[in-house]
Amino acid sequence: MKVIAKNEETRVELDKAMGALFSIFMTNPSRLNQIAQLAQSDPKLFIEEMEKRLYTREQIQRNQAIGSLVEKLLKDILEKEGFKVKVTGVGSDFVIENDFVKDNMETIFEVKKEDKICLYIEVKTTSQDFVKMTLNQAREAKDKMDRYALCVIQLNSLKISEEIDEEYIRKQAKFVMNIGEKIRDKVEKVENLKAQQEAISEAGDIEVEISEGPIRFKINKTVWEEGKTFEQFLEFTRGFKYE
Protein backbone atom coordinates (compact mmCIF):
# COMPACT_ATOMS: atom_id res chain seq x y z
CA MET A 1 0.00 0.00 0.00
CA LYS A 2 1.39 3.38 -1.05
CA VAL A 3 0.90 6.02 1.64
CA ILE A 4 0.65 9.65 0.58
CA ALA A 5 1.68 12.27 3.16
CA LYS A 6 2.74 15.92 3.40
CA ASN A 7 6.39 15.01 4.03
CA GLU A 8 8.70 12.03 4.23
CA GLU A 9 8.76 11.87 8.04
CA THR A 10 4.96 11.73 8.22
CA ARG A 11 4.87 9.17 5.42
CA VAL A 12 7.28 6.89 7.30
CA GLU A 13 5.21 7.13 10.52
CA LEU A 14 1.99 6.37 8.63
CA ASP A 15 3.67 3.48 6.86
CA LYS A 16 4.77 2.01 10.21
CA ALA A 17 1.27 2.43 11.63
CA MET A 18 -0.37 0.78 8.63
CA GLY A 19 2.12 -2.07 8.76
CA ALA A 20 1.44 -2.65 12.47
CA LEU A 21 -2.33 -2.65 11.91
CA PHE A 22 -1.98 -5.06 8.99
CA SER A 23 0.11 -7.51 11.02
CA ILE A 24 -2.42 -7.44 13.89
CA PHE A 25 -5.57 -7.80 11.79
CA MET A 26 -4.32 -9.79 8.79
CA THR A 27 -6.34 -12.82 9.92
CA ASN A 28 -9.40 -10.74 10.83
CA PRO A 29 -9.75 -7.88 8.33
CA SER A 30 -13.46 -7.43 9.07
CA ARG A 31 -12.59 -6.33 12.62
CA LEU A 32 -10.15 -3.74 11.25
CA ASN A 33 -12.89 -2.51 8.92
CA GLN A 34 -15.25 -2.11 11.89
CA ILE A 35 -12.65 -0.08 13.77
CA ALA A 36 -12.08 2.09 10.71
CA GLN A 37 -15.81 2.71 10.39
CA LEU A 38 -16.00 3.61 14.09
CA ALA A 39 -13.16 6.10 13.71
CA GLN A 40 -14.74 7.56 10.60
CA SER A 41 -18.16 8.00 12.22
CA ASP A 42 -16.78 10.23 15.00
CA PRO A 43 -13.06 10.96 14.50
CA LYS A 44 -12.80 13.42 17.41
CA LEU A 45 -14.33 11.03 19.95
CA PHE A 46 -12.26 8.13 18.64
CA ILE A 47 -9.00 10.09 18.91
CA GLU A 48 -9.87 11.36 22.41
CA GLU A 49 -10.55 7.81 23.58
CA MET A 50 -7.28 6.53 22.10
CA GLU A 51 -5.35 9.40 23.69
CA LYS A 52 -6.89 8.58 27.10
CA ARG A 53 -5.81 4.95 26.74
CA LEU A 54 -2.30 5.93 25.68
CA TYR A 55 -2.01 8.37 28.60
CA THR A 56 -3.20 5.69 31.03
CA ARG A 57 -0.61 3.25 29.69
CA GLU A 58 2.12 5.88 30.02
CA GLN A 59 1.05 6.60 33.61
CA ILE A 60 1.25 2.92 34.47
CA GLN A 61 4.71 2.67 32.92
CA ARG A 62 5.90 5.80 34.77
CA ASN A 63 4.55 4.57 38.08
CA GLN A 64 6.23 1.20 37.50
CA ALA A 65 9.53 2.99 36.87
CA ILE A 66 9.10 5.07 40.04
CA GLY A 67 8.11 1.99 42.02
CA SER A 68 11.24 0.21 40.84
CA LEU A 69 13.40 3.17 41.91
CA VAL A 70 11.75 3.28 45.34
CA GLU A 71 12.22 -0.47 45.66
CA LYS A 72 15.92 -0.19 44.81
CA LEU A 73 16.43 2.72 47.22
CA LEU A 74 14.66 0.93 50.07
CA LYS A 75 16.52 -2.30 49.42
CA ASP A 76 19.94 -0.68 49.12
CA ILE A 77 19.55 1.32 52.32
CA LEU A 78 17.33 -0.81 54.58
CA GLU A 79 19.18 -4.06 53.87
CA LYS A 80 22.30 -2.40 55.28
CA GLU A 81 20.27 -1.97 58.47
CA GLY A 82 19.41 -5.69 58.53
CA PHE A 83 15.96 -5.45 56.93
CA LYS A 84 14.56 -7.23 53.88
CA VAL A 85 12.33 -5.43 51.37
CA LYS A 86 9.82 -7.35 49.25
CA VAL A 87 7.30 -6.19 46.67
CA THR A 88 3.98 -7.97 47.00
CA GLY A 89 0.75 -7.83 44.99
CA VAL A 90 -2.31 -7.09 47.09
CA GLY A 91 -5.18 -6.93 44.60
CA SER A 92 -6.65 -5.53 41.42
CA ASP A 93 -8.46 -2.64 43.14
CA PHE A 94 -6.24 0.37 42.55
CA VAL A 95 -6.17 4.04 41.54
CA ILE A 96 -4.59 4.08 38.09
CA GLU A 97 -3.24 7.64 38.29
CA ASN A 98 -1.55 7.16 41.68
CA ASP A 99 -0.59 3.55 42.29
CA PHE A 100 2.45 1.37 41.61
CA VAL A 101 0.91 -1.40 39.49
CA LYS A 102 2.65 -4.61 38.43
CA ASP A 103 1.06 -7.49 36.50
CA ASN A 104 -2.25 -5.62 36.73
CA MET A 105 -2.09 -5.66 40.53
CA GLU A 106 -1.59 -2.82 42.99
CA THR A 107 1.53 -3.52 44.97
CA ILE A 108 2.97 -2.55 48.32
CA PHE A 109 6.36 -3.03 49.98
CA GLU A 110 6.87 -5.37 52.91
CA VAL A 111 9.74 -4.46 55.21
CA LYS A 112 10.88 -7.43 57.31
CA LYS A 113 13.48 -8.20 59.94
CA GLU A 114 14.14 -11.71 61.22
CA ASP A 115 11.13 -12.90 59.18
CA LYS A 116 8.81 -10.50 61.03
CA ILE A 117 6.90 -7.87 59.05
CA CYS A 118 7.79 -4.48 60.49
CA LEU A 119 6.08 -2.22 58.00
CA TYR A 120 3.89 -2.10 54.91
CA ILE A 121 4.62 0.80 52.56
CA GLU A 122 2.08 1.89 49.96
CA VAL A 123 3.68 4.07 47.29
CA LYS A 124 1.67 6.65 45.37
CA THR A 125 2.66 9.30 42.84
CA THR A 126 0.79 12.49 42.02
CA SER A 127 1.12 15.71 40.04
CA GLN A 128 -1.85 17.19 41.92
CA ASP A 129 -2.49 18.31 45.48
CA PHE A 130 -4.02 14.98 46.48
CA VAL A 131 -3.81 11.23 46.05
CA LYS A 132 -6.62 8.70 46.28
CA MET A 133 -6.97 5.43 48.14
CA THR A 134 -9.49 2.71 47.40
CA LEU A 135 -11.72 1.31 50.14
CA ASN A 136 -9.60 -1.85 50.27
CA GLN A 137 -6.42 0.18 50.61
CA ALA A 138 -7.96 2.33 53.35
CA ARG A 139 -9.14 -0.78 55.20
CA GLU A 140 -5.62 -2.23 55.05
CA ALA A 141 -4.20 1.00 56.47
CA LYS A 142 -6.79 1.02 59.27
CA ASP A 143 -6.41 -2.66 60.15
CA LYS A 144 -2.59 -2.44 60.21
CA MET A 145 -2.30 1.12 61.45
CA ASP A 146 0.64 0.42 63.75
CA ARG A 147 2.78 -0.71 60.80
CA TYR A 148 1.31 0.79 57.66
CA ALA A 149 2.85 3.81 55.91
CA LEU A 150 1.79 5.86 52.91
CA CYS A 151 4.66 7.11 50.74
CA VAL A 152 3.76 9.94 48.35
CA ILE A 153 6.04 11.02 45.51
CA GLN A 154 5.07 14.56 44.50
CA LEU A 155 5.75 14.99 40.77
CA ASN A 156 4.81 18.69 40.56
CA SER A 157 4.70 19.70 36.88
CA LEU A 158 6.96 16.84 35.78
CA LYS A 159 5.98 15.45 32.40
CA ILE A 160 5.53 11.72 31.89
CA SER A 161 8.41 11.64 29.41
CA GLU A 162 10.90 13.29 31.80
CA GLU A 163 13.50 11.21 33.61
CA ILE A 164 13.05 10.42 37.30
CA ASP A 165 16.13 9.31 39.19
CA GLU A 166 17.00 8.25 42.73
CA GLU A 167 17.96 11.78 43.74
CA TYR A 168 14.53 13.02 42.70
CA ILE A 169 12.82 10.25 44.71
CA ARG A 170 14.87 11.08 47.79
CA LYS A 171 13.94 14.74 47.52
CA GLN A 172 10.23 14.34 46.78
CA ALA A 173 9.22 11.33 48.88
CA LYS A 174 7.15 11.91 52.02
CA PHE A 175 6.16 9.10 54.39
CA VAL A 176 2.91 9.31 56.37
CA MET A 177 3.51 6.84 59.19
CA ASN A 178 0.08 7.28 60.82
CA ILE A 179 -2.16 7.12 57.75
CA GLY A 180 -4.19 4.28 59.34
CA GLU A 181 -5.01 6.40 62.35
CA LYS A 182 -5.88 9.40 60.19
CA ILE A 183 -8.21 7.45 57.90
CA ARG A 184 -9.83 5.14 60.47
CA ASP A 185 -12.87 7.32 61.21
CA LYS A 186 -13.72 7.79 57.53
CA VAL A 187 -13.39 4.07 56.82
CA GLU A 188 -15.77 3.17 59.65
CA LYS A 189 -18.33 5.72 58.42
CA VAL A 190 -18.13 4.37 54.86
CA GLU A 191 -18.55 0.79 56.08
CA ASN A 192 -21.64 1.82 58.08
CA LEU A 193 -23.03 3.56 54.99
CA LYS A 194 -22.47 0.47 52.84
CA ALA A 195 -24.26 -1.69 55.42
CA GLN A 196 -27.25 0.69 55.32
CA GLN A 197 -27.29 0.60 51.52
CA GLU A 198 -27.31 -3.19 51.52
CA ALA A 199 -30.27 -3.20 53.92
CA ILE A 200 -32.17 -0.70 51.76
CA SER A 201 -31.43 -2.65 48.58
CA GLU A 202 -32.73 -6.02 49.83
CA ALA A 203 -34.81 -8.06 47.37
CA GLY A 204 -38.61 -7.75 47.38
CA ASP A 205 -41.65 -6.68 45.35
CA ILE A 206 -40.25 -3.15 45.37
CA GLU A 207 -36.50 -2.78 45.25
CA VAL A 208 -34.12 0.15 45.46
CA GLU A 209 -31.28 0.36 42.97
CA ILE A 210 -28.33 2.47 44.07
CA SER A 211 -25.94 3.20 41.21
CA GLU A 212 -22.59 4.68 42.09
CA GLY A 213 -18.93 4.52 41.17
CA PRO A 214 -16.16 3.02 43.30
CA ILE A 215 -15.50 4.64 46.67
CA ARG A 216 -12.29 6.65 46.87
CA PHE A 217 -10.62 8.37 49.82
CA LYS A 218 -9.07 11.67 48.78
CA ILE A 219 -5.87 12.32 50.74
CA ASN A 220 -5.02 16.02 50.51
CA LYS A 221 -1.49 17.39 50.34
CA THR A 222 -1.66 18.75 53.89
CA VAL A 223 -1.55 15.13 55.12
CA TRP A 224 1.77 14.18 53.52
CA GLU A 225 3.35 17.62 53.95
CA GLU A 226 3.50 16.75 57.64
CA GLY A 227 5.09 13.39 56.83
CA LYS A 228 8.70 12.29 57.15
CA THR A 229 11.33 12.99 54.52
CA PHE A 230 13.30 10.06 53.13
CA GLU A 231 16.14 10.65 55.58
CA GLN A 232 13.73 11.02 58.52
CA PHE A 233 12.03 7.79 57.47
CA LEU A 234 15.35 5.95 57.48
CA GLU A 235 16.07 7.25 60.97
CA PHE A 236 12.60 6.09 62.03
CA THR A 237 13.28 2.54 60.79
CA ARG A 238 16.19 2.19 63.18
CA GLY A 239 13.69 2.24 66.03
CA PHE A 240 11.42 -0.45 64.59
CA LYS A 241 9.98 -2.97 67.00
CA TYR A 242 9.48 -6.40 65.52
CA GLU A 243 8.84 -8.79 68.41
Foldseek 3Di string as FASTA:
>chain_A
DQDDDPDDVVRVVVVVVVVVVCVVCVVPVVVVVVLVVVCVVPVVVSVVVVVVVVVLVLLQVLLQVVVVQVQVVCQVQVVVVQKHKDKDFDAQDFDSNWFNDDPNGGIWIFIGHPNFTQAIETETEDQDQKDKDFLVRLVVCQVPQQHYKYKYFHPHPDDSPDDDHNVSCQQRIFIQSRSNVVCVVVSVVVVVVVVVVCVQQDDDPDGDDDDDDGDMDIGGNVRRVPGDGPVRVSVVVSPTDGD
